[in-house]
Amino acid sequence: MIGTTINRLRVSSGLSTKQVAEAVGVSQQFIYQLEKGEKRPSIATAKRIAAALNCTVDDLLGEQEQNSTG
């Protein structure tokens, strides 16, 4: 799930949900909802999240794709 990946990358980067939200331009609640799997980001938002977490959109989706295919 993309939310799990966002959470893992955010925590390993030492960032709070507030810091990521500010960098992405969304609410802290939205980041929380993403991490809990309650929401899914648009492509544009996923790109901004990836930039904030210093990764690629493929990195955000990679874990999800591996779980789906394997």
C-alpha atoms as a PDB file:
ATOM      1  CA  MET A   1       0.000   0.000   0.000  1.00  0.00           C
ATOM      2  CA  ILE A   2       1.332   3.424  -0.930  1.00  0.00           C
ATOM      3  CA  GLY A   3       0.417   4.765   2.501  1.00  0.00           C
ATOM      4  CA  THR A   4       2.688   2.274   4.232  1.00  0.00           C
ATOM      5  CA  THR A   5       5.536   3.270   1.922  1.00  0.00           C
ATOM      6  CA  ILE A   6       4.927   6.981   2.542  1.00  0.00           C
ATOM      7  CA  ASN A   7       4.970   6.373   6.280  1.00  0.00           C
ATOM      8  CA  ARG A   8       8.152   4.294   6.141  1.00  0.00           C
ATOM      9  CA  LEU A   9       9.996   6.845   4.012  1.00  0.00           C
ATOM     10  CA  ARG A  10       8.746   9.758   6.113  1.00  0.00           C
ATOM     11  CA  VAL A  11       9.816   8.177   9.389  1.00  0.00           C
ATOM     12  CA  SER A  12      13.200   7.071   8.034  1.00  0.00           C
ATOM     13  CA  SER A  13      13.762  10.646   6.838  1.00  0.00           C
ATOM     14  CA  GLY A  14      12.969  11.979  10.301  1.00  0.00           C
ATOM     15  CA  LEU A  15      10.071  14.070   9.019  1.00  0.00           C
ATOM     16  CA  SER A  16       6.736  14.727  10.700  1.00  0.00           C
ATOM     17  CA  THR A  17       3.411  14.545   8.884  1.00  0.00           C
ATOM     18  CA  LYS A  18       3.262  18.333   9.270  1.00  0.00           C
ATOM     19  CA  GLN A  19       6.633  18.808   7.570  1.00  0.00           C
ATOM     20  CA  VAL A  20       5.675  16.576   4.659  1.00  0.00           C
ATOM     21  CA  ALA A  21       2.272  18.239   4.350  1.00  0.00           C
ATOM     22  CA  GLU A  22       3.865  21.686   4.203  1.00  0.00           C
ATOM     23  CA  ALA A  23       6.382  20.556   1.572  1.00  0.00           C
ATOM     24  CA  VAL A  24       3.642  18.963  -0.535  1.00  0.00           C
ATOM     25  CA  GLY A  25       1.086  21.741  -0.101  1.00  0.00           C
ATOM     26  CA  VAL A  26      -1.633  19.637   1.496  1.00  0.00           C
ATOM     27  CA  SER A  27      -3.058  19.350   4.991  1.00  0.00           C
ATOM     28  CA  GLN A  28      -1.450  17.291   7.720  1.00  0.00           C
ATOM     29  CA  GLN A  29      -4.753  15.385   7.932  1.00  0.00           C
ATOM     30  CA  PHE A  30      -4.424  14.419   4.259  1.00  0.00           C
ATOM     31  CA  ILE A  31      -0.949  12.932   4.830  1.00  0.00           C
ATOM     32  CA  TYR A  32      -2.301  11.059   7.858  1.00  0.00           C
ATOM     33  CA  GLN A  33      -5.194   9.708   5.750  1.00  0.00           C
ATOM     34  CA  LEU A  34      -2.791   8.622   3.014  1.00  0.00           C
ATOM     35  CA  GLU A  35      -0.639   6.739   5.504  1.00  0.00           C
ATOM     36  CA  LYS A  36      -3.707   5.003   6.951  1.00  0.00           C
ATOM     37  CA  GLY A  37      -4.914   3.977   3.487  1.00  0.00           C
ATOM     38  CA  GLU A  38      -8.038   6.127   3.719  1.00  0.00           C
ATOM     39  CA  LYS A  39      -7.072   8.260   0.697  1.00  0.00           C
ATOM     40  CA  ARG A  40      -5.060   7.835  -2.494  1.00  0.00           C
ATOM     41  CA  PRO A  41      -2.995  10.664  -3.958  1.00  0.00           C
ATOM     42  CA  SER A  42      -3.415  12.012  -7.469  1.00  0.00           C
ATOM     43  CA  ILE A  43      -0.438  11.631  -9.780  1.00  0.00           C
ATOM     44  CA  ALA A  44       0.479  15.300  -9.242  1.00  0.00           C
ATOM     45  CA  THR A  45       0.323  14.903  -5.464  1.00  0.00           C
ATOM     46  CA  ALA A  46       2.313  11.662  -5.606  1.00  0.00           C
ATOM     47  CA  LYS A  47       5.037  13.519  -7.514  1.00  0.00           C
ATOM     48  CA  ARG A  48       5.150  16.233  -4.834  1.00  0.00           C
ATOM     49  CA  ILE A  49       5.234  13.613  -2.060  1.00  0.00           C
ATOM     50  CA  ALA A  50       8.091  11.822  -3.805  1.00  0.00           C
ATOM     51  CA  ALA A  51      10.018  15.096  -4.067  1.00  0.00           C
ATOM     52  CA  ALA A  52       9.399  15.848  -0.387  1.00  0.00           C
ATOM     53  CA  LEU A  53      10.628  12.377   0.593  1.00  0.00           C
ATOM     54  CA  ASN A  54      13.576  12.492  -1.818  1.00  0.00           C
ATOM     55  CA  CYS A  55      12.444   9.467  -3.816  1.00  0.00           C
ATOM     56  CA  THR A  56      10.665   8.708  -7.072  1.00  0.00           C
ATOM     57  CA  VAL A  57       7.009   7.957  -7.698  1.00  0.00           C
ATOM     58  CA  ASP A  58       8.178   4.474  -8.678  1.00  0.00           C
ATOM     59  CA  ASP A  59       9.678   4.143  -5.187  1.00  0.00           C
ATOM     60  CA  LEU A  60       6.300   5.062  -3.682  1.00  0.00           C
ATOM     61  CA  LEU A  61       4.480   2.529  -5.858  1.00  0.00           C
ATOM     62  CA  GLY A  62       7.190  -0.136  -5.961  1.00  0.00           C
ATOM     63  CA  GLU A  63       6.239  -1.933  -2.787  1.00  0.00           C
ATOM     64  CA  GLN A  64       2.598  -2.015  -3.870  1.00  0.00           C
ATOM     65  CA  GLU A  65       3.477  -3.441  -7.295  1.00  0.00           C
ATOM     66  CA  GLN A  66       5.738  -6.118  -5.798  1.00  0.00           C
ATOM     67  CA  ASN A  67       2.972  -7.213  -3.429  1.00  0.00           C
ATOM     68  CA  SER A  68       0.455  -7.387  -6.306  1.00  0.00           C
ATOM     69  CA  THR A  69       2.644  -9.501  -8.567  1.00  0.00           C
ATOM     70  CA  GLY A  70       4.452 -11.712  -6.185  1.00  0.00           C
END
